[in-house]
């Protein structure tokens, strides 16, 4: 994907009305410190379009990044942020659920997992929850540059086993530093956004 234009177009808070976009969407979910903003900046060849922070929980809204007048990358609020109250977490959960249920253009959900660690209980819950919403999450194993090359396959197995991924489930290792995995992620996005929306598929079946 050659990035000609990329901008933050819409920011939705807990009470915001979600946009009815015309272009396909792919969403990114993950723990607060897993590197979603760094991934989005890496995919878009931008340094700070998506704001990164040493303080986890920076993304507290659903952010829609329009790319090339062709598609949207959607950054979902991070989960597992201890300093946010249970009430706020529940509201974020309902906001994300509303988005997953109502978006006409959402084609796929990417779930980011830190390749250095076994998936947490929150990671497993999020994976199962996305599946329950009707999507097959594509796993992006972030922070690839933080481990030795000899450890990669072992850590990939730990992530797969920890989430209980089905055989054939997609898992893409990614480094925001070296951009390894960027082209593969874009290849998957282009493949997925070339298809039909869930609404179109449903109308054809009927």
Protein backbone atom coordinates (compact mmCIF):
# COMPACT_ATOMS: atom_id res chain seq x y z
CA UNK A 1 0.00 0.00 0.00
CA UNK A 2 1.38 3.37 -1.04
CA UNK A 3 0.17 5.95 1.46
CA UNK A 4 -0.77 9.13 -0.40
CA UNK A 5 -3.03 10.59 2.28
CA UNK A 6 -3.76 9.72 5.89
CA UNK A 7 -5.63 11.73 8.48
CA UNK A 8 -7.51 11.37 11.73
CA UNK A 9 -11.05 12.03 10.53
CA UNK A 10 -13.38 11.09 13.40
CA UNK A 11 -12.98 10.71 17.16
CA UNK A 12 -15.84 9.03 19.04
CA UNK A 13 -16.26 9.11 22.80
CA UNK A 14 -18.61 7.13 24.99
CA UNK A 15 -21.66 9.23 24.07
CA UNK A 16 -20.70 9.99 20.46
CA UNK A 17 -22.66 8.89 17.44
CA UNK A 18 -20.60 6.47 15.37
CA UNK A 19 -19.94 7.52 11.76
CA UNK A 20 -21.66 5.82 8.85
CA UNK A 21 -18.56 5.60 6.66
CA UNK A 22 -18.58 4.84 2.95
CA UNK A 23 -15.21 3.07 2.86
CA UNK A 24 -14.20 -0.31 4.34
CA UNK A 25 -12.89 -0.37 7.92
CA UNK A 26 -10.42 -2.59 9.78
CA UNK A 27 -10.18 -2.24 13.56
CA UNK A 28 -7.28 -2.70 15.96
CA UNK A 29 -7.79 -3.88 19.55
CA UNK A 30 -5.24 -4.60 22.25
CA UNK A 31 -3.98 -4.00 25.75
CA UNK A 32 -3.20 -0.39 26.63
CA UNK A 33 0.59 -0.77 26.39
CA UNK A 34 0.79 -3.20 23.48
CA UNK A 35 1.71 -0.61 20.83
CA UNK A 36 -1.47 0.11 18.83
CA UNK A 37 -0.54 3.74 18.16
CA UNK A 38 2.98 2.74 17.10
CA UNK A 39 1.52 0.11 14.77
CA UNK A 40 -0.86 2.57 13.14
CA UNK A 41 1.92 5.15 12.71
CA UNK A 42 4.11 2.42 11.20
CA UNK A 43 1.43 1.30 8.78
CA UNK A 44 0.80 4.88 7.68
CA UNK A 45 4.47 5.93 7.54
CA UNK A 46 3.76 8.70 10.03
CA UNK A 47 5.69 9.50 13.18
CA UNK A 48 2.93 10.89 15.34
CA UNK A 49 -0.44 10.77 13.58
CA UNK A 50 -1.59 8.33 16.24
CA UNK A 51 -0.40 9.68 19.57
CA UNK A 52 1.92 7.41 21.52
CA UNK A 53 2.59 7.76 25.22
CA UNK A 54 4.63 6.17 27.98
CA UNK A 55 1.44 6.35 30.04
CA UNK A 56 -0.85 3.42 29.15
CA UNK A 57 -4.50 4.05 28.41
CA UNK A 58 -3.90 7.08 26.16
CA UNK A 59 -6.53 5.96 23.62
CA UNK A 60 -9.86 6.44 25.36
CA UNK A 61 -11.91 6.98 22.21
CA UNK A 62 -12.58 5.18 18.94
CA UNK A 63 -10.37 6.91 16.37
CA UNK A 64 -11.01 6.63 12.63
CA UNK A 65 -8.01 7.22 10.36
CA UNK A 66 -8.92 7.69 6.70
CA UNK A 67 -6.36 6.36 4.23
CA UNK A 68 -6.13 7.36 0.55
CA UNK A 69 -9.90 7.95 0.30
CA UNK A 70 -10.10 4.15 0.24
CA UNK A 71 -10.42 2.74 3.76
CA UNK A 72 -10.28 3.41 7.49
CA UNK A 73 -7.96 2.13 10.19
CA UNK A 74 -9.95 2.16 13.42
CA UNK A 75 -8.12 2.40 16.75
CA UNK A 76 -10.20 0.97 19.62
CA UNK A 77 -9.65 1.92 23.30
CA UNK A 78 -7.01 -0.15 25.05
CA UNK A 79 -8.07 -2.59 27.73
CA UNK A 80 -6.46 -3.67 31.00
CA UNK A 81 -5.61 -0.13 32.14
CA UNK A 82 -5.63 -0.40 35.96
CA UNK A 83 -6.02 3.33 36.72
CA UNK A 84 -9.37 3.57 34.94
CA UNK A 85 -12.44 2.84 37.07
CA UNK A 86 -14.52 -0.29 36.51
CA UNK A 87 -17.43 1.92 35.47
CA UNK A 88 -15.38 3.57 32.72
CA UNK A 89 -14.06 0.20 31.54
CA UNK A 90 -17.62 -1.07 31.26
CA UNK A 91 -18.64 2.00 29.25
CA UNK A 92 -15.68 1.48 26.91
CA UNK A 93 -16.71 -2.15 26.51
CA UNK A 94 -20.25 -1.14 25.57
CA UNK A 95 -18.89 1.47 23.15
CA UNK A 96 -16.68 -1.10 21.41
CA UNK A 97 -19.53 -3.62 21.33
CA UNK A 98 -21.82 -1.00 19.78
CA UNK A 99 -19.21 -0.32 17.10
CA UNK A 100 -18.68 -4.01 16.30
CA UNK A 101 -22.43 -4.56 16.06
CA UNK A 102 -23.41 -1.48 14.07
CA UNK A 103 -20.58 -0.74 11.63
CA UNK A 104 -21.67 -1.58 8.12
CA UNK A 105 -18.14 -1.36 6.77
CA UNK A 106 -16.07 -3.29 9.32
CA UNK A 107 -14.28 -6.12 7.53
CA UNK A 108 -11.89 -7.44 10.20
CA UNK A 109 -10.57 -6.99 13.72
CA UNK A 110 -6.84 -7.22 14.44
CA UNK A 111 -5.90 -8.14 18.01
CA UNK A 112 -2.46 -7.03 19.17
CA UNK A 113 -0.53 -9.22 21.62
CA UNK A 114 2.94 -8.53 23.05
CA UNK A 115 5.12 -11.32 21.62
CA UNK A 116 7.37 -11.26 24.69
CA UNK A 117 4.74 -12.57 27.08
CA UNK A 118 2.12 -15.26 27.40
CA UNK A 119 -1.33 -13.75 26.66
CA UNK A 120 -2.96 -12.40 29.81
CA UNK A 121 -6.45 -13.20 31.07
CA UNK A 122 -7.56 -9.87 29.57
CA UNK A 123 -6.05 -10.86 26.20
CA UNK A 124 -7.85 -14.21 26.24
CA UNK A 125 -11.12 -12.58 27.24
CA UNK A 126 -10.81 -10.02 24.44
CA UNK A 127 -10.03 -12.72 21.88
CA UNK A 128 -13.04 -14.80 22.92
CA UNK A 129 -15.24 -11.71 23.01
CA UNK A 130 -14.28 -10.67 19.46
CA UNK A 131 -15.02 -14.21 18.26
CA UNK A 132 -18.39 -14.04 20.05
CA UNK A 133 -19.15 -10.82 18.12
CA UNK A 134 -18.81 -12.78 14.88
CA UNK A 135 -15.25 -11.95 13.83
CA UNK A 136 -12.17 -14.13 13.47
CA UNK A 137 -9.41 -11.97 14.97
CA UNK A 138 -6.12 -11.66 13.11
CA UNK A 139 -3.33 -11.63 15.66
CA UNK A 140 -0.47 -9.13 15.42
CA UNK A 141 2.40 -10.09 17.74
CA UNK A 142 4.01 -6.73 18.54
CA UNK A 143 7.43 -5.71 19.87
CA UNK A 144 9.21 -8.26 17.69
CA UNK A 145 12.48 -6.32 17.91
CA UNK A 146 12.53 -6.83 21.70
CA UNK A 147 13.31 -10.55 21.45
CA UNK A 148 16.14 -12.52 19.87
CA UNK A 149 15.62 -14.08 16.47
CA UNK A 150 16.12 -17.52 18.00
CA UNK A 151 13.15 -16.92 20.33
CA UNK A 152 10.61 -15.93 17.70
CA UNK A 153 9.06 -19.33 16.91
CA UNK A 154 8.93 -20.27 20.59
CA UNK A 155 7.13 -17.03 21.47
CA UNK A 156 4.73 -17.42 18.54
CA UNK A 157 3.76 -20.85 19.88
CA UNK A 158 3.26 -19.35 23.35
CA UNK A 159 0.90 -16.72 21.91
CA UNK A 160 -1.00 -19.28 19.82
CA UNK A 161 -1.37 -21.70 22.71
CA UNK A 162 -2.18 -18.96 25.21
CA UNK A 163 -5.08 -17.69 23.10
CA UNK A 164 -6.16 -21.14 22.00
CA UNK A 165 -5.99 -20.18 18.32
CA UNK A 166 -7.52 -22.58 15.83
CA UNK A 167 -5.17 -24.16 13.26
CA UNK A 168 -4.75 -21.81 10.33
CA UNK A 169 -5.51 -18.66 12.33
CA UNK A 170 -3.41 -15.76 11.10
CA UNK A 171 -0.63 -14.44 13.31
CA UNK A 172 1.75 -11.75 12.05
CA UNK A 173 4.87 -10.76 14.03
CA UNK A 174 5.47 -7.01 13.86
CA UNK A 175 8.12 -4.49 14.92
CA UNK A 176 7.37 -0.78 15.03
CA UNK A 177 11.14 -0.17 15.06
CA UNK A 178 12.17 -2.19 12.00
CA UNK A 179 8.74 -2.26 10.29
CA UNK A 180 9.06 -6.04 9.90
CA UNK A 181 5.57 -7.39 9.27
CA UNK A 182 4.25 -4.13 7.83
CA UNK A 183 3.94 -5.37 4.25
CA UNK A 184 2.27 -8.59 5.39
CA UNK A 185 -0.29 -6.68 7.45
CA UNK A 186 -1.08 -4.41 4.50
CA UNK A 187 -1.41 -7.44 2.24
CA UNK A 188 -4.03 -8.88 4.59
CA UNK A 189 -5.84 -5.54 4.87
CA UNK A 190 -5.98 -5.14 1.09
CA UNK A 191 -7.24 -8.70 0.73
CA UNK A 192 -9.97 -8.16 3.31
CA UNK A 193 -11.14 -4.73 2.20
CA UNK A 194 -11.58 -5.91 -1.36
CA UNK A 195 -14.50 -8.10 -0.30
CA UNK A 196 -18.11 -7.40 0.57
CA UNK A 197 -19.49 -5.98 3.78
CA UNK A 198 -21.42 -8.19 6.18
CA UNK A 199 -24.59 -6.36 5.15
CA UNK A 200 -23.98 -7.06 1.45
CA UNK A 201 -23.20 -10.71 2.15
CA UNK A 202 -26.39 -11.06 4.21
CA UNK A 203 -28.57 -9.50 1.50
CA UNK A 204 -27.10 -11.86 -1.12
CA UNK A 205 -27.80 -14.89 1.08
CA UNK A 206 -31.41 -13.78 1.44
